[in-house]
Protein backbone atom coordinates (compact mmCIF):
# COMPACT_ATOMS: atom_id res chain seq x y z
CA UNK A 1 0.00 0.00 0.00
CA UNK A 2 1.31 3.39 -0.87
CA UNK A 3 -0.37 5.65 1.65
CA UNK A 4 1.52 8.73 2.70
CA UNK A 5 1.56 9.41 6.42
CA UNK A 6 -0.22 12.51 7.66
CA UNK A 7 0.06 13.70 11.25
CA UNK A 8 -3.73 13.95 11.60
CA UNK A 9 -3.95 10.17 11.13
CA UNK A 10 -2.89 9.86 14.75
CA UNK A 11 -6.02 11.75 15.85
CA UNK A 12 -8.46 9.02 14.87
CA UNK A 13 -10.25 9.04 18.22
CA UNK A 14 -12.35 12.13 17.51
CA UNK A 15 -13.66 10.74 14.23
CA UNK A 16 -14.26 7.33 15.79
CA UNK A 17 -16.44 8.77 18.54
CA UNK A 18 -18.84 10.02 15.89
CA UNK A 19 -18.95 6.65 14.11
CA UNK A 20 -19.22 4.29 17.10
CA UNK A 21 -22.52 3.86 18.96
CA UNK A 22 -22.74 4.12 22.77
CA UNK A 23 -23.46 0.39 22.92
CA UNK A 24 -20.22 -0.40 21.11
CA UNK A 25 -18.26 2.05 23.25
CA UNK A 26 -18.52 -0.34 26.20
CA UNK A 27 -16.18 -2.80 24.53
CA UNK A 28 -14.39 -0.51 22.08
CA UNK A 29 -13.30 2.11 24.61
CA UNK A 30 -9.57 1.53 24.20
CA UNK A 31 -9.76 1.90 20.44
CA UNK A 32 -10.49 5.61 20.74
CA UNK A 33 -7.56 6.49 22.96
CA UNK A 34 -3.95 7.01 22.01
CA UNK A 35 -1.94 4.06 20.74
CA UNK A 36 -0.56 1.93 23.56
CA UNK A 37 3.20 1.90 23.11
CA UNK A 38 3.66 -0.99 25.55
CA UNK A 39 1.63 -3.24 23.22
CA UNK A 40 4.44 -3.44 20.67
CA UNK A 41 5.41 -7.07 20.06
CA UNK A 42 3.05 -8.23 22.82
CA UNK A 43 1.95 -11.07 20.56
CA UNK A 44 5.45 -12.56 20.69
CA UNK A 45 5.04 -13.29 24.40
CA UNK A 46 1.48 -14.61 24.13
CA UNK A 47 1.73 -16.86 21.08
CA UNK A 48 3.69 -20.08 20.87
CA UNK A 49 6.28 -20.46 18.09
CA UNK A 50 3.86 -22.78 16.28
CA UNK A 51 1.08 -20.17 16.39
CA UNK A 52 3.44 -17.52 15.02
CA UNK A 53 4.43 -19.81 12.14
CA UNK A 54 0.75 -20.47 11.42
CA UNK A 55 -0.09 -16.75 11.34
CA UNK A 56 2.85 -15.94 9.09
CA UNK A 57 2.11 -18.96 6.92
CA UNK A 58 -1.53 -18.01 6.45
CA UNK A 59 -0.41 -14.56 5.33
CA UNK A 60 1.94 -16.21 2.86
CA UNK A 61 -0.83 -18.53 1.63
CA UNK A 62 -3.16 -15.59 1.04
CA UNK A 63 -0.56 -13.79 -1.05
CA UNK A 64 0.37 -16.95 -2.98
CA UNK A 65 -3.31 -17.62 -3.70
CA UNK A 66 -3.25 -14.43 -5.75
CA UNK A 67 -0.30 -15.80 -7.71
CA UNK A 68 -0.70 -17.13 -11.22
CA UNK A 69 1.99 -19.71 -10.58
CA UNK A 70 0.65 -23.23 -10.07
CA UNK A 71 3.65 -24.08 -7.89
CA UNK A 72 2.89 -21.23 -5.48
CA UNK A 73 -0.77 -22.17 -5.26
CA UNK A 74 0.18 -25.80 -4.58
CA UNK A 75 2.54 -24.74 -1.77
CA UNK A 76 -0.27 -22.74 -0.22
CA UNK A 77 -2.73 -25.62 -0.50
CA UNK A 78 -0.19 -28.01 1.05
CA UNK A 79 0.38 -25.62 3.96
CA UNK A 80 -3.36 -25.37 4.65
CA UNK A 81 -3.74 -29.15 4.46
CA UNK A 82 -0.85 -29.65 6.87
CA UNK A 83 -2.43 -27.19 9.31
CA UNK A 84 -5.74 -29.01 9.16
CA UNK A 85 -4.00 -32.27 10.03
CA UNK A 86 -1.90 -30.81 12.86
CA UNK A 87 -4.41 -28.39 14.41
CA UNK A 88 -6.57 -30.87 16.40
CA UNK A 89 -3.57 -32.41 18.14
CA UNK A 90 -2.05 -29.00 18.76
CA UNK A 91 -5.29 -27.68 20.28
CA UNK A 92 -5.43 -30.61 22.70
CA UNK A 93 -1.83 -30.03 23.75
CA UNK A 94 -2.35 -26.28 24.11
CA UNK A 95 -5.44 -26.73 26.33
CA UNK A 96 -3.59 -29.27 28.50
CA UNK A 97 -0.60 -26.95 28.90
CA UNK A 98 -2.85 -23.99 29.70
CA UNK A 99 -4.77 -25.93 32.37
CA UNK A 100 -1.54 -27.28 33.85
CA UNK A 101 -0.18 -23.75 34.34
CA UNK A 102 -3.50 -22.48 35.73
CA UNK A 103 -3.49 -25.06 38.56
PDB file of N, CA and C in Angstrom:
ATOM      1  N   UNK A   1       0.841  -1.174   0.000  1.00  0.00           N
ATOM      2  CA  UNK A   1       0.000   0.000   0.000  1.00  0.00           C
ATOM      3  C   UNK A   1       0.886   1.237   0.000  1.00  0.00           C
ATOM      4  N   UNK A   2       0.552   2.150  -0.810  1.00  0.00           N
ATOM      5  CA  UNK A   2       1.314   3.389  -0.867  1.00  0.00           C
ATOM      6  C   UNK A   2       0.459   4.526  -0.327  1.00  0.00           C
ATOM      7  N   UNK A   3       0.386   4.589   0.996  1.00  0.00           N
ATOM      8  CA  UNK A   3      -0.367   5.648   1.655  1.00  0.00           C
ATOM      9  C   UNK A   3       0.634   6.548   2.353  1.00  0.00           C
ATOM     10  N   UNK A   4       0.595   7.814   2.048  1.00  0.00           N
ATOM     11  CA  UNK A   4       1.521   8.731   2.704  1.00  0.00           C
ATOM     12  C   UNK A   4       1.003   9.068   4.092  1.00  0.00           C
ATOM     13  N   UNK A   5       1.922   9.131   5.030  1.00  0.00           N
ATOM     14  CA  UNK A   5       1.564   9.412   6.419  1.00  0.00           C
ATOM     15  C   UNK A   5       1.240  10.885   6.593  1.00  0.00           C
ATOM     16  N   UNK A   6       0.150  11.146   7.286  1.00  0.00           N
ATOM     17  CA  UNK A   6      -0.217  12.507   7.656  1.00  0.00           C
ATOM     18  C   UNK A   6      -0.385  12.540   9.163  1.00  0.00           C
ATOM     19  N   UNK A   7       0.094  13.580   9.792  1.00  0.00           N
ATOM     20  CA  UNK A   7       0.057  13.705  11.249  1.00  0.00           C
ATOM     21  C   UNK A   7      -1.365  13.549  11.807  1.00  0.00           C
ATOM     22  N   UNK A   8      -2.349  14.022  11.097  1.00  0.00           N
ATOM     23  CA  UNK A   8      -3.725  13.953  11.597  1.00  0.00           C
ATOM     24  C   UNK A   8      -4.256  12.518  11.660  1.00  0.00           C
ATOM     25  N   UNK A   9      -3.550  11.573  11.038  1.00  0.00           N
ATOM     26  CA  UNK A   9      -3.951  10.168  11.127  1.00  0.00           C
ATOM     27  C   UNK A   9      -3.887   9.669  12.568  1.00  0.00           C
ATOM     28  N   UNK A  10      -3.022  10.278  13.364  1.00  0.00           N
ATOM     29  CA  UNK A  10      -2.889   9.864  14.753  1.00  0.00           C
ATOM     30  C   UNK A  10      -4.072  10.319  15.605  1.00  0.00           C
ATOM     31  N   UNK A  11      -4.866  11.243  15.108  1.00  0.00           N
ATOM     32  CA  UNK A  11      -6.016  11.755  15.846  1.00  0.00           C
ATOM     33  C   UNK A  11      -7.304  11.084  15.351  1.00  0.00           C
ATOM     34  N   UNK A  12      -7.310   9.762  15.368  1.00  0.00           N
ATOM     35  CA  UNK A  12      -8.460   9.016  14.869  1.00  0.00           C
ATOM     36  C   UNK A  12      -9.573   8.915  15.902  1.00  0.00           C
ATOM     37  N   UNK A  13      -9.268   9.181  17.148  1.00  0.00           N
ATOM     38  CA  UNK A  13     -10.253   9.041  18.223  1.00  0.00           C
ATOM     39  C   UNK A  13     -11.459   9.939  18.054  1.00  0.00           C
ATOM     40  N   UNK A  14     -11.234  11.184  17.661  1.00  0.00           N
ATOM     41  CA  UNK A  14     -12.350  12.131  17.513  1.00  0.00           C
ATOM     42  C   UNK A  14     -13.324  11.670  16.427  1.00  0.00           C
ATOM     43  N   UNK A  15     -12.794  11.223  15.312  1.00  0.00           N
ATOM     44  CA  UNK A  15     -13.661  10.743  14.228  1.00  0.00           C
ATOM     45  C   UNK A  15     -14.367   9.455  14.642  1.00  0.00           C
ATOM     46  N   UNK A  16     -13.671   8.602  15.369  1.00  0.00           N
ATOM     47  CA  UNK A  16     -14.259   7.328  15.789  1.00  0.00           C
ATOM     48  C   UNK A  16     -15.438   7.527  16.728  1.00  0.00           C
ATOM     49  N   UNK A  17     -15.347   8.524  17.602  1.00  0.00           N
ATOM     50  CA  UNK A  17     -16.444   8.773  18.544  1.00  0.00           C
ATOM     51  C   UNK A  17     -17.749   9.086  17.819  1.00  0.00           C
ATOM     52  N   UNK A  18     -17.648   9.695  16.659  1.00  0.00           N
ATOM     53  CA  UNK A  18     -18.843  10.022  15.886  1.00  0.00           C
ATOM     54  C   UNK A  18     -19.408   8.785  15.180  1.00  0.00           C
ATOM     55  N   UNK A  19     -18.545   7.824  14.887  1.00  0.00           N
ATOM     56  CA  UNK A  19     -18.952   6.653  14.114  1.00  0.00           C
ATOM     57  C   UNK A  19     -19.383   5.463  14.970  1.00  0.00           C
ATOM     58  N   UNK A  20     -18.971   5.443  16.230  1.00  0.00           N
ATOM     59  CA  UNK A  20     -19.224   4.293  17.098  1.00  0.00           C
ATOM     60  C   UNK A  20     -20.398   4.587  18.026  1.00  0.00           C
ATOM     61  N   UNK A  21     -21.350   3.663  18.097  1.00  0.00           N
ATOM     62  CA  UNK A  21     -22.524   3.857  18.963  1.00  0.00           C
ATOM     63  C   UNK A  21     -22.139   3.705  20.434  1.00  0.00           C
ATOM     64  N   UNK A  22     -22.981   4.215  21.321  1.00  0.00           N
ATOM     65  CA  UNK A  22     -22.735   4.118  22.766  1.00  0.00           C
ATOM     66  C   UNK A  22     -22.650   2.658  23.197  1.00  0.00           C
ATOM     67  N   UNK A  23     -23.463   1.818  22.594  1.00  0.00           N
ATOM     68  CA  UNK A  23     -23.456   0.395  22.922  1.00  0.00           C
ATOM     69  C   UNK A  23     -22.091  -0.230  22.624  1.00  0.00           C
ATOM     70  N   UNK A  24     -21.537   0.131  21.484  1.00  0.00           N
ATOM     71  CA  UNK A  24     -20.220  -0.401  21.110  1.00  0.00           C
ATOM     72  C   UNK A  24     -19.106   0.184  21.966  1.00  0.00           C
ATOM     73  N   UNK A  25     -19.302   1.387  22.454  1.00  0.00           N
ATOM     74  CA  UNK A  25     -18.264   2.053  23.248  1.00  0.00           C
ATOM     75  C   UNK A  25     -17.883   1.248  24.483  1.00  0.00           C
ATOM     76  N   UNK A  26     -18.809   0.452  25.005  1.00  0.00           N
ATOM     77  CA  UNK A  26     -18.521  -0.343  26.196  1.00  0.00           C
ATOM     78  C   UNK A  26     -17.360  -1.301  25.966  1.00  0.00           C
ATOM     79  N   UNK A  27     -17.267  -1.853  24.796  1.00  0.00           N
ATOM     80  CA  UNK A  27     -16.184  -2.799  24.533  1.00  0.00           C
ATOM     81  C   UNK A  27     -15.141  -2.279  23.547  1.00  0.00           C
ATOM     82  N   UNK A  28     -15.357  -1.089  23.006  1.00  0.00           N
ATOM     83  CA  UNK A  28     -14.385  -0.507  22.083  1.00  0.00           C
ATOM     84  C   UNK A  28     -13.687   0.705  22.681  1.00  0.00           C
ATOM     85  N   UNK A  29     -13.833   0.917  23.964  1.00  0.00           N
ATOM     86  CA  UNK A  29     -13.301   2.114  24.606  1.00  0.00           C
ATOM     87  C   UNK A  29     -11.831   2.381  24.322  1.00  0.00           C
ATOM     88  N   UNK A  30     -11.015   1.342  24.404  1.00  0.00           N
ATOM     89  CA  UNK A  30      -9.574   1.529  24.201  1.00  0.00           C
ATOM     90  C   UNK A  30      -9.220   1.921  22.771  1.00  0.00           C
ATOM     91  N   UNK A  31     -10.083   1.618  21.842  1.00  0.00           N
ATOM     92  CA  UNK A  31      -9.755   1.904  20.443  1.00  0.00           C
ATOM     93  C   UNK A  31      -9.791   3.391  20.126  1.00  0.00           C
ATOM     94  N   UNK A  32     -10.398   4.177  20.998  1.00  0.00           N
ATOM     95  CA  UNK A  32     -10.495   5.614  20.738  1.00  0.00           C
ATOM     96  C   UNK A  32      -9.352   6.400  21.361  1.00  0.00           C
ATOM     97  N   UNK A  33      -8.650   5.789  22.281  1.00  0.00           N
ATOM     98  CA  UNK A  33      -7.560   6.485  22.958  1.00  0.00           C
ATOM     99  C   UNK A  33      -6.287   6.467  22.141  1.00  0.00           C
ATOM    100  N   UNK A  34      -5.233   7.024  22.707  1.00  0.00           N
ATOM    101  CA  UNK A  34      -3.948   7.014  22.007  1.00  0.00           C
ATOM    102  C   UNK A  34      -3.414   5.582  21.879  1.00  0.00           C
ATOM    103  N   UNK A  35      -2.535   5.381  20.936  1.00  0.00           N
ATOM    104  CA  UNK A  35      -1.945   4.060  20.744  1.00  0.00           C
ATOM    105  C   UNK A  35      -1.147   3.675  21.982  1.00  0.00           C
ATOM    106  N   UNK A  36      -1.266   2.423  22.385  1.00  0.00           N
ATOM    107  CA  UNK A  36      -0.556   1.932  23.562  1.00  0.00           C
ATOM    108  C   UNK A  36       0.835   1.474  23.143  1.00  0.00           C
ATOM    109  N   UNK A  37       1.840   2.222  23.539  1.00  0.00           N
ATOM    110  CA  UNK A  37       3.203   1.900  23.111  1.00  0.00           C
ATOM    111  C   UNK A  37       3.717   0.618  23.751  1.00  0.00           C
ATOM    112  N   UNK A  38       3.185   0.240  24.909  1.00  0.00           N
ATOM    113  CA  UNK A  38       3.658  -0.989  25.551  1.00  0.00           C
ATOM    114  C   UNK A  38       3.044  -2.246  24.925  1.00  0.00           C
ATOM    115  N   UNK A  39       2.211  -2.088  23.910  1.00  0.00           N
ATOM    116  CA  UNK A  39       1.627  -3.238  23.216  1.00  0.00           C
ATOM    117  C   UNK A  39       2.502  -3.739  22.070  1.00  0.00           C
ATOM    118  N   UNK A  40       3.575  -3.033  21.780  1.00  0.00           N
ATOM    119  CA  UNK A  40       4.442  -3.439  20.670  1.00  0.00           C
ATOM    120  C   UNK A  40       5.016  -4.828  20.943  1.00  0.00           C
ATOM    121  N   UNK A  41       4.888  -5.703  19.999  1.00  0.00           N
ATOM    122  CA  UNK A  41       5.411  -7.074  20.058  1.00  0.00           C
ATOM    123  C   UNK A  41       4.841  -7.897  21.207  1.00  0.00           C
ATOM    124  N   UNK A  42       3.711  -7.500  21.740  1.00  0.00           N
ATOM    125  CA  UNK A  42       3.049  -8.234  22.822  1.00  0.00           C
ATOM    126  C   UNK A  42       2.680  -9.649  22.369  1.00  0.00           C
ATOM    127  N   UNK A  43       2.336  -9.772  21.106  1.00  0.00           N
ATOM    128  CA  UNK A  43       1.950 -11.066  20.558  1.00  0.00           C
ATOM    129  C   UNK A  43       3.069 -12.088  20.667  1.00  0.00           C
ATOM    130  N   UNK A  44       4.323 -11.628  20.631  1.00  0.00           N
ATOM    131  CA  UNK A  44       5.453 -12.562  20.688  1.00  0.00           C
ATOM    132  C   UNK A  44       5.483 -13.320  22.016  1.00  0.00           C
ATOM    133  N   UNK A  45       5.046 -12.660  23.081  1.00  0.00           N
ATOM    134  CA  UNK A  45       5.045 -13.291  24.396  1.00  0.00           C
ATOM    135  C   UNK A  45       3.818 -14.175  24.596  1.00  0.00           C
ATOM    136  N   UNK A  46       2.733 -13.890  23.890  1.00  0.00           N
ATOM    137  CA  UNK A  46       1.484 -14.607  24.128  1.00  0.00           C
ATOM    138  C   UNK A  46       1.253 -15.776  23.178  1.00  0.00           C
ATOM    139  N   UNK A  47       1.904 -15.772  22.039  1.00  0.00           N
ATOM    140  CA  UNK A  47       1.730 -16.863  21.082  1.00  0.00           C
ATOM    141  C   UNK A  47       2.899 -17.833  21.174  1.00  0.00           C
ATOM    142  N   UNK A  48       2.620 -19.086  20.926  1.00  0.00           N
ATOM    143  CA  UNK A  48       3.690 -20.077  20.873  1.00  0.00           C
ATOM    144  C   UNK A  48       4.394 -19.951  19.519  1.00  0.00           C
ATOM    145  N   UNK A  49       5.598 -20.500  19.399  1.00  0.00           N
ATOM    146  CA  UNK A  49       6.280 -20.458  18.093  1.00  0.00           C
ATOM    147  C   UNK A  49       5.436 -21.081  16.975  1.00  0.00           C
ATOM    148  N   UNK A  50       4.712 -22.150  17.282  1.00  0.00           N
ATOM    149  CA  UNK A  50       3.858 -22.780  16.277  1.00  0.00           C
ATOM    150  C   UNK A  50       2.775 -21.817  15.814  1.00  0.00           C
ATOM    151  N   UNK A  51       2.144 -21.102  16.745  1.00  0.00           N
ATOM    152  CA  UNK A  51       1.080 -20.168  16.392  1.00  0.00           C
ATOM    153  C   UNK A  51       1.612 -19.015  15.537  1.00  0.00           C
ATOM    154  N   UNK A  52       2.825 -18.584  15.824  1.00  0.00           N
ATOM    155  CA  UNK A  52       3.443 -17.522  15.022  1.00  0.00           C
ATOM    156  C   UNK A  52       3.681 -18.015  13.597  1.00  0.00           C
ATOM    157  N   UNK A  53       4.190 -19.235  13.470  1.00  0.00           N
ATOM    158  CA  UNK A  53       4.427 -19.808  12.141  1.00  0.00           C
ATOM    159  C   UNK A  53       3.111 -19.932  11.378  1.00  0.00           C
ATOM    160  N   UNK A  54       2.055 -20.334  12.070  1.00  0.00           N
ATOM    161  CA  UNK A  54       0.748 -20.466  11.421  1.00  0.00           C
ATOM    162  C   UNK A  54       0.277 -19.113  10.904  1.00  0.00           C
ATOM    163  N   UNK A  55       0.362 -18.087  11.750  1.00  0.00           N
ATOM    164  CA  UNK A  55      -0.085 -16.746  11.336  1.00  0.00           C
ATOM    165  C   UNK A  55       0.706 -16.244  10.136  1.00  0.00           C
ATOM    166  N   UNK A  56       2.025 -16.397  10.206  1.00  0.00           N
ATOM    167  CA  UNK A  56       2.853 -15.940   9.093  1.00  0.00           C
ATOM    168  C   UNK A  56       2.605 -16.787   7.852  1.00  0.00           C
ATOM    169  N   UNK A  57       2.375 -18.071   8.049  1.00  0.00           N
ATOM    170  CA  UNK A  57       2.111 -18.957   6.923  1.00  0.00           C
ATOM    171  C   UNK A  57       0.799 -18.644   6.240  1.00  0.00           C
ATOM    172  N   UNK A  58      -0.227 -18.351   7.027  1.00  0.00           N
ATOM    173  CA  UNK A  58      -1.528 -18.009   6.446  1.00  0.00           C
ATOM    174  C   UNK A  58      -1.401 -16.747   5.615  1.00  0.00           C
ATOM    175  N   UNK A  59      -0.644 -15.787   6.104  1.00  0.00           N
ATOM    176  CA  UNK A  59      -0.413 -14.562   5.332  1.00  0.00           C
ATOM    177  C   UNK A  59       0.271 -14.899   4.011  1.00  0.00           C
ATOM    178  N   UNK A  60       1.235 -15.793   4.068  1.00  0.00           N
ATOM    179  CA  UNK A  60       1.944 -16.212   2.860  1.00  0.00           C
ATOM    180  C   UNK A  60       0.999 -16.942   1.902  1.00  0.00           C
ATOM    181  N   UNK A  61       0.127 -17.785   2.456  1.00  0.00           N
ATOM    182  CA  UNK A  61      -0.832 -18.529   1.628  1.00  0.00           C
ATOM    183  C   UNK A  61      -1.775 -17.566   0.925  1.00  0.00           C
ATOM    184  N   UNK A  62      -2.241 -16.556   1.651  1.00  0.00           N
ATOM    185  CA  UNK A  62      -3.155 -15.587   1.042  1.00  0.00           C
ATOM    186  C   UNK A  62      -2.498 -14.862  -0.120  1.00  0.00           C
ATOM    187  N   UNK A  63      -1.224 -14.496   0.042  1.00  0.00           N
ATOM    188  CA  UNK A  63      -0.564 -13.792  -1.053  1.00  0.00           C
ATOM    189  C   UNK A  63      -0.228 -14.740  -2.199  1.00  0.00           C
ATOM    190  N   UNK A  64       0.067 -16.016  -1.895  1.00  0.00           N
ATOM    191  CA  UNK A  64       0.370 -16.947  -2.982  1.00  0.00           C
ATOM    192  C   UNK A  64      -0.902 -17.379  -3.707  1.00  0.00           C
ATOM    193  N   UNK A  65      -2.052 -17.279  -3.041  1.00  0.00           N
ATOM    194  CA  UNK A  65      -3.315 -17.619  -3.703  1.00  0.00           C
ATOM    195  C   UNK A  65      -3.605 -16.640  -4.831  1.00  0.00           C
ATOM    196  N   UNK A  66      -3.071 -15.439  -4.711  1.00  0.00           N
ATOM    197  CA  UNK A  66      -3.247 -14.427  -5.749  1.00  0.00           C
ATOM    198  C   UNK A  66      -2.308 -14.690  -6.932  1.00  0.00           C
ATOM    199  N   UNK A  67      -1.319 -15.536  -6.705  1.00  0.00           N
ATOM    200  CA  UNK A  67      -0.299 -15.798  -7.714  1.00  0.00           C
ATOM    201  C   UNK A  67      -0.868 -16.607  -8.881  1.00  0.00           C
ATOM    202  N   UNK A  68      -0.294 -16.384 -10.026  1.00  0.00           N
ATOM    203  CA  UNK A  68      -0.698 -17.129 -11.215  1.00  0.00           C
ATOM    204  C   UNK A  68       0.037 -18.466 -11.259  1.00  0.00           C
ATOM    205  N   UNK A  69       1.152 -18.529 -10.553  1.00  0.00           N
ATOM    206  CA  UNK A  69       1.995 -19.713 -10.581  1.00  0.00           C
ATOM    207  C   UNK A  69       1.313 -20.908  -9.907  1.00  0.00           C
ATOM    208  N   UNK A  70       1.237 -22.007 -10.613  1.00  0.00           N
ATOM    209  CA  UNK A  70       0.646 -23.225 -10.069  1.00  0.00           C
ATOM    210  C   UNK A  70       1.467 -23.734  -8.889  1.00  0.00           C
ATOM    211  N   UNK A  71       2.783 -23.614  -8.973  1.00  0.00           N
ATOM    212  CA  UNK A  71       3.654 -24.079  -7.887  1.00  0.00           C
ATOM    213  C   UNK A  71       3.356 -23.328  -6.591  1.00  0.00           C
ATOM    214  N   UNK A  72       3.194 -22.010  -6.680  1.00  0.00           N
ATOM    215  CA  UNK A  72       2.893 -21.226  -5.479  1.00  0.00           C
ATOM    216  C   UNK A  72       1.528 -21.593  -4.900  1.00  0.00           C
ATOM    217  N   UNK A  73       0.563 -21.796  -5.753  1.00  0.00           N
ATOM    218  CA  UNK A  73      -0.771 -22.170  -5.263  1.00  0.00           C
ATOM    219  C   UNK A  73      -0.739 -23.549  -4.618  1.00  0.00           C
ATOM    220  N   UNK A  74       0.056 -24.457  -5.158  1.00  0.00           N
ATOM    221  CA  UNK A  74       0.177 -25.801  -4.577  1.00  0.00           C
ATOM    222  C   UNK A  74       0.850 -25.746  -3.211  1.00  0.00           C
ATOM    223  N   UNK A  75       1.880 -24.902  -3.080  1.00  0.00           N
ATOM    224  CA  UNK A  75       2.539 -24.738  -1.772  1.00  0.00           C
ATOM    225  C   UNK A  75       1.537 -24.244  -0.740  1.00  0.00           C
ATOM    226  N   UNK A  76       0.736 -23.280  -1.127  1.00  0.00           N
ATOM    227  CA  UNK A  76      -0.273 -22.741  -0.216  1.00  0.00           C
ATOM    228  C   UNK A  76      -1.289 -23.793   0.183  1.00  0.00           C
ATOM    229  N   UNK A  77      -1.745 -24.570  -0.780  1.00  0.00           N
ATOM    230  CA  UNK A  77      -2.729 -25.622  -0.499  1.00  0.00           C
ATOM    231  C   UNK A  77      -2.131 -26.684   0.417  1.00  0.00           C
ATOM    232  N   UNK A  78      -0.870 -27.022   0.203  1.00  0.00           N
ATOM    233  CA  UNK A  78      -0.195 -28.009   1.046  1.00  0.00           C
ATOM    234  C   UNK A  78      -0.075 -27.494   2.477  1.00  0.00           C
ATOM    235  N   UNK A  79       0.259 -26.224   2.633  1.00  0.00           N
ATOM    236  CA  UNK A  79       0.382 -25.621   3.964  1.00  0.00           C
ATOM    237  C   UNK A  79      -0.952 -25.688   4.702  1.00  0.00           C
ATOM    238  N   UNK A  80      -2.028 -25.340   4.030  1.00  0.00           N
ATOM    239  CA  UNK A  80      -3.361 -25.368   4.647  1.00  0.00           C
ATOM    240  C   UNK A  80      -3.736 -26.800   5.028  1.00  0.00           C
ATOM    241  N   UNK A  81      -3.452 -27.751   4.165  1.00  0.00           N
ATOM    242  CA  UNK A  81      -3.741 -29.153   4.461  1.00  0.00           C
ATOM    243  C   UNK A  81      -2.951 -29.621   5.680  1.00  0.00           C
ATOM    244  N   UNK A  82      -1.678 -29.275   5.726  1.00  0.00           N
ATOM    245  CA  UNK A  82      -0.846 -29.654   6.871  1.00  0.00           C
ATOM    246  C   UNK A  82      -1.402 -29.063   8.163  1.00  0.00           C
ATOM    247  N   UNK A  83      -1.840 -27.818   8.117  1.00  0.00           N
ATOM    248  CA  UNK A  83      -2.431 -27.193   9.308  1.00  0.00           C
ATOM    249  C   UNK A  83      -3.684 -27.925   9.757  1.00  0.00           C
ATOM    250  N   UNK A  84      -4.508 -28.309   8.807  1.00  0.00           N
ATOM    251  CA  UNK A  84      -5.742 -29.011   9.160  1.00  0.00           C
ATOM    252  C   UNK A  84      -5.449 -30.354   9.818  1.00  0.00           C
ATOM    253  N   UNK A  85      -4.366 -30.983   9.432  1.00  0.00           N
ATOM    254  CA  UNK A  85      -3.997 -32.266  10.032  1.00  0.00           C
ATOM    255  C   UNK A  85      -3.385 -32.090  11.420  1.00  0.00           C
ATOM    256  N   UNK A  86      -2.615 -31.039  11.603  1.00  0.00           N
ATOM    257  CA  UNK A  86      -1.897 -30.814  12.859  1.00  0.00           C
ATOM    258  C   UNK A  86      -2.763 -30.118  13.909  1.00  0.00           C
ATOM    259  N   UNK A  87      -3.664 -29.260  13.490  1.00  0.00           N
ATOM    260  CA  UNK A  87      -4.412 -28.392  14.411  1.00  0.00           C
ATOM    261  C   UNK A  87      -5.143 -29.126  15.538  1.00  0.00           C
ATOM    262  N   UNK A  88      -5.867 -30.213  15.285  1.00  0.00           N
ATOM    263  CA  UNK A  88      -6.574 -30.865  16.403  1.00  0.00           C
ATOM    264  C   UNK A  88      -5.634 -31.337  17.513  1.00  0.00           C
ATOM    265  N   UNK A  89      -4.533 -31.951  17.135  1.00  0.00           N
ATOM    266  CA  UNK A  89      -3.572 -32.411  18.143  1.00  0.00           C
ATOM    267  C   UNK A  89      -2.950 -31.227  18.874  1.00  0.00           C
ATOM    268  N   UNK A  90      -2.640 -30.185  18.142  1.00  0.00           N
ATOM    269  CA  UNK A  90      -2.048 -29.000  18.762  1.00  0.00           C
ATOM    270  C   UNK A  90      -3.019 -28.365  19.752  1.00  0.00           C
ATOM    271  N   UNK A  91      -4.289 -28.263  19.383  1.00  0.00           N
ATOM    272  CA  UNK A  91      -5.291 -27.676  20.278  1.00  0.00           C
ATOM    273  C   UNK A  91      -5.413 -28.468  21.572  1.00  0.00           C
ATOM    274  N   UNK A  92      -5.388 -29.789  21.490  1.00  0.00           N
ATOM    275  CA  UNK A  92      -5.431 -30.609  22.701  1.00  0.00           C
ATOM    276  C   UNK A  92      -4.231 -30.325  23.591  1.00  0.00           C
ATOM    277  N   UNK A  93      -3.045 -30.287  22.984  1.00  0.00           N
ATOM    278  CA  UNK A  93      -1.828 -30.035  23.747  1.00  0.00           C
ATOM    279  C   UNK A  93      -1.861 -28.649  24.386  1.00  0.00           C
ATOM    280  N   UNK A  94      -2.315 -27.664  23.626  1.00  0.00           N
ATOM    281  CA  UNK A  94      -2.350 -26.277  24.108  1.00  0.00           C
ATOM    282  C   UNK A  94      -3.308 -26.152  25.294  1.00  0.00           C
ATOM    283  N   UNK A  95      -4.480 -26.779  25.218  1.00  0.00           N
ATOM    284  CA  UNK A  95      -5.440 -26.730  26.330  1.00  0.00           C
ATOM    285  C   UNK A  95      -4.875 -27.416  27.561  1.00  0.00           C
ATOM    286  N   UNK A  96      -4.191 -28.549  27.372  1.00  0.00           N
ATOM    287  CA  UNK A  96      -3.594 -29.268  28.497  1.00  0.00           C
ATOM    288  C   UNK A  96      -2.529 -28.407  29.165  1.00  0.00           C
ATOM    289  N   UNK A  97      -1.672 -27.801  28.361  1.00  0.00           N
ATOM    290  CA  UNK A  97      -0.603 -26.955  28.899  1.00  0.00           C
ATOM    291  C   UNK A  97      -1.188 -25.760  29.632  1.00  0.00           C
ATOM    292  N   UNK A  98      -2.220 -25.152  29.081  1.00  0.00           N
ATOM    293  CA  UNK A  98      -2.848 -23.987  29.698  1.00  0.00           C
ATOM    294  C   UNK A  98      -3.447 -24.363  31.052  1.00  0.00           C
ATOM    295  N   UNK A  99      -4.167 -25.493  31.099  1.00  0.00           N
ATOM    296  CA  UNK A  99      -4.770 -25.934  32.367  1.00  0.00           C
ATOM    297  C   UNK A  99      -3.702 -26.264  33.398  1.00  0.00           C
ATOM    298  N   UNK A 100      -2.615 -26.884  32.940  1.00  0.00           N
ATOM    299  CA  UNK A 100      -1.544 -27.276  33.846  1.00  0.00           C
ATOM    300  C   UNK A 100      -0.953 -26.042  34.530  1.00  0.00           C
ATOM    301  N   UNK A 101      -0.760 -24.962  33.769  1.00  0.00           N
ATOM    302  CA  UNK A 101      -0.180 -23.753  34.343  1.00  0.00           C
ATOM    303  C   UNK A 101      -1.185 -22.970  35.182  1.00  0.00           C
ATOM    304  N   UNK A 102      -2.478 -23.172  34.949  1.00  0.00           N
ATOM    305  CA  UNK A 102      -3.505 -22.477  35.728  1.00  0.00           C
ATOM    306  C   UNK A 102      -3.669 -23.097  37.115  1.00  0.00           C
ATOM    307  N   UNK A 103      -3.304 -24.363  37.265  1.00  0.00           N
ATOM    308  CA  UNK A 103      -3.485 -25.059  38.556  1.00  0.00           C
ATOM    309  C   UNK A 103      -2.523 -24.586  39.610  1.00  0.00           C
TER     310      UNK A 103
END
